Amino acid sequence: MFAPGTRVRVRDDWPETRGPVHLRTPHYLRGRTGTVERHLGDFPNPEDLAFRRPAPRLPLYHVRFDQSPIWPEGAPGDEVLVELFGPWLEAA
């Protein structure tokens, strides 16, 4: 589990190249580094639920990213806040 303030990297993984999947992690964040804002709770994995498979409960986090490395438009200091499941995150 990641504590608030922890720097994390979104795994640079592309499971959709290995077969049918249902992903809840935006492509534009893969490989990017952000900061955990808070743990939102543990929820059934939607990537399994989409295929009616047993879905383990996984930690879900709010993770904050600086916007400018992702999208250059916007004002300095703009941020992106995204909900990401724990298995997609690794310590940065």
C-alpha atoms as a PDB file:
ATOM      1  CA  MET A   1       0.000   0.000   0.000  1.00  0.00           C
ATOM      2  CA  PHE A   2       1.235   3.496  -0.853  1.00  0.00           C
ATOM      3  CA  ALA A   3       1.025   6.339   1.654  1.00  0.00           C
ATOM      4  CA  PRO A   4      -0.024   9.866   0.683  1.00  0.00           C
ATOM      5  CA  GLY A   5       2.949  11.805  -0.663  1.00  0.00           C
ATOM      6  CA  THR A   6       4.642   8.719  -2.131  1.00  0.00           C
ATOM      7  CA  ARG A   7       6.101   9.197  -5.611  1.00  0.00           C
ATOM      8  CA  VAL A   8       4.899   6.432  -7.919  1.00  0.00           C
ATOM      9  CA  ARG A   9       5.317   5.481 -11.551  1.00  0.00           C
ATOM     10  CA  VAL A  10       2.518   4.037 -13.641  1.00  0.00           C
ATOM     11  CA  ARG A  11       3.702   0.740 -15.083  1.00  0.00           C
ATOM     12  CA  ASP A  12       4.659   1.045 -18.750  1.00  0.00           C
ATOM     13  CA  ASP A  13       2.752  -2.098 -19.673  1.00  0.00           C
ATOM     14  CA  TRP A  14       0.520  -2.732 -22.678  1.00  0.00           C
ATOM     15  CA  PRO A  15      -1.580  -5.841 -21.905  1.00  0.00           C
ATOM     16  CA  GLU A  16      -3.902  -5.035 -24.797  1.00  0.00           C
ATOM     17  CA  THR A  17      -1.128  -6.238 -27.123  1.00  0.00           C
ATOM     18  CA  ARG A  18      -1.435  -9.714 -25.542  1.00  0.00           C
ATOM     19  CA  GLY A  19      -5.167 -10.247 -26.027  1.00  0.00           C
ATOM     20  CA  PRO A  20      -8.591  -8.944 -25.094  1.00  0.00           C
ATOM     21  CA  VAL A  21      -8.594  -6.839 -21.942  1.00  0.00           C
ATOM     22  CA  HIS A  22     -10.615  -4.145 -20.216  1.00  0.00           C
ATOM     23  CA  LEU A  23      -8.229  -1.467 -18.953  1.00  0.00           C
ATOM     24  CA  ARG A  24      -8.927   1.297 -16.468  1.00  0.00           C
ATOM     25  CA  THR A  25      -5.488   2.926 -16.789  1.00  0.00           C
ATOM     26  CA  PRO A  26      -5.166   5.738 -19.350  1.00  0.00           C
ATOM     27  CA  HIS A  27      -2.576   5.209 -22.076  1.00  0.00           C
ATOM     28  CA  TYR A  28      -1.239   8.733 -21.646  1.00  0.00           C
ATOM     29  CA  LEU A  29      -0.152   7.982 -18.060  1.00  0.00           C
ATOM     30  CA  ARG A  30       1.802   4.778 -18.645  1.00  0.00           C
ATOM     31  CA  GLY A  31       5.428   5.320 -17.675  1.00  0.00           C
ATOM     32  CA  ARG A  32       4.621   8.673 -16.020  1.00  0.00           C
ATOM     33  CA  THR A  33       5.534   9.625 -12.464  1.00  0.00           C
ATOM     34  CA  GLY A  34       3.056  11.169 -10.039  1.00  0.00           C
ATOM     35  CA  THR A  35       2.313  11.546  -6.340  1.00  0.00           C
ATOM     36  CA  VAL A  36      -0.224   9.577  -4.324  1.00  0.00           C
ATOM     37  CA  GLU A  37      -2.801  11.960  -2.887  1.00  0.00           C
ATOM     38  CA  ARG A  38      -4.818   9.402  -0.944  1.00  0.00           C
ATOM     39  CA  HIS A  39      -5.969   5.805  -0.716  1.00  0.00           C
ATOM     40  CA  LEU A  40      -9.647   5.688  -1.710  1.00  0.00           C
ATOM     41  CA  GLY A  41     -10.341   2.176  -0.415  1.00  0.00           C
ATOM     42  CA  ASP A  42     -10.175  -1.353  -1.802  1.00  0.00           C
ATOM     43  CA  PHE A  43     -12.525  -2.355  -4.624  1.00  0.00           C
ATOM     44  CA  PRO A  44     -13.093  -5.373  -6.898  1.00  0.00           C
ATOM     45  CA  ASN A  45     -10.780  -5.273  -9.906  1.00  0.00           C
ATOM     46  CA  PRO A  46     -12.866  -3.882 -12.813  1.00  0.00           C
ATOM     47  CA  GLU A  47     -10.478  -5.472 -15.304  1.00  0.00           C
ATOM     48  CA  ASP A  48     -11.728  -8.876 -14.069  1.00  0.00           C
ATOM     49  CA  LEU A  49     -15.339  -7.846 -13.513  1.00  0.00           C
ATOM     50  CA  ALA A  50     -15.630  -6.875 -17.196  1.00  0.00           C
ATOM     51  CA  PHE A  51     -15.105 -10.538 -18.124  1.00  0.00           C
ATOM     52  CA  ARG A  52     -17.174 -11.961 -15.239  1.00  0.00           C
ATOM     53  CA  ARG A  53     -14.061 -13.421 -13.626  1.00  0.00           C
ATOM     54  CA  PRO A  54     -13.513 -13.540  -9.867  1.00  0.00           C
ATOM     55  CA  ALA A  55     -12.279 -10.070  -8.971  1.00  0.00           C
ATOM     56  CA  PRO A  56      -9.864  -9.608  -6.077  1.00  0.00           C
ATOM     57  CA  ARG A  57     -10.185  -6.395  -4.099  1.00  0.00           C
ATOM     58  CA  LEU A  58      -7.407  -3.967  -4.994  1.00  0.00           C
ATOM     59  CA  PRO A  59      -6.336  -0.651  -3.488  1.00  0.00           C
ATOM     60  CA  LEU A  60      -7.491   2.396  -5.450  1.00  0.00           C
ATOM     61  CA  TYR A  61      -5.598   5.686  -5.230  1.00  0.00           C
ATOM     62  CA  HIS A  62      -5.915   9.308  -6.278  1.00  0.00           C
ATOM     63  CA  VAL A  63      -2.613  10.078  -8.007  1.00  0.00           C
ATOM     64  CA  ARG A  64      -1.631  13.615  -8.998  1.00  0.00           C
ATOM     65  CA  PHE A  65       0.483  14.355 -12.088  1.00  0.00           C
ATOM     66  CA  ASP A  66       1.915  17.618 -13.376  1.00  0.00           C
ATOM     67  CA  GLN A  67      -0.014  18.398 -16.538  1.00  0.00           C
ATOM     68  CA  SER A  68       2.711  19.967 -18.676  1.00  0.00           C
ATOM     69  CA  PRO A  69       4.671  16.728 -19.391  1.00  0.00           C
ATOM     70  CA  ILE A  70       1.406  15.068 -20.465  1.00  0.00           C
ATOM     71  CA  TRP A  71      -0.252  17.942 -22.350  1.00  0.00           C
ATOM     72  CA  PRO A  72       1.658  21.146 -23.072  1.00  0.00           C
ATOM     73  CA  GLU A  73      -1.410  23.416 -23.134  1.00  0.00           C
ATOM     74  CA  GLY A  74      -2.628  24.932 -19.897  1.00  0.00           C
ATOM     75  CA  ALA A  75      -1.119  27.155 -17.269  1.00  0.00           C
ATOM     76  CA  PRO A  76       1.982  26.484 -15.171  1.00  0.00           C
ATOM     77  CA  GLY A  77       1.021  24.525 -12.078  1.00  0.00           C
ATOM     78  CA  ASP A  78      -1.930  22.751 -13.728  1.00  0.00           C
ATOM     79  CA  GLU A  79      -2.349  19.167 -12.546  1.00  0.00           C
ATOM     80  CA  VAL A  80      -4.161  15.987 -13.507  1.00  0.00           C
ATOM     81  CA  LEU A  81      -5.796  13.895 -10.753  1.00  0.00           C
ATOM     82  CA  VAL A  82      -6.585  10.296 -11.694  1.00  0.00           C
ATOM     83  CA  GLU A  83      -7.917   7.214  -9.916  1.00  0.00           C
ATOM     84  CA  LEU A  84      -5.514   4.285 -10.408  1.00  0.00           C
ATOM     85  CA  PHE A  85      -5.514   0.765  -9.020  1.00  0.00           C
ATOM     86  CA  GLY A  86      -2.488  -0.396  -7.030  1.00  0.00           C
ATOM     87  CA  PRO A  87      -1.214  -3.095  -9.416  1.00  0.00           C
ATOM     88  CA  TRP A  88      -0.566  -0.404 -12.020  1.00  0.00           C
ATOM     89  CA  LEU A  89       1.695   1.542  -9.662  1.00  0.00           C
ATOM     90  CA  GLU A  90       5.316   1.020  -8.651  1.00  0.00           C
ATOM     91  CA  ALA A  91       7.582   3.047  -6.385  1.00  0.00           C
ATOM     92  CA  ALA A  92       9.348   5.802  -8.316  1.00  0.00           C
END
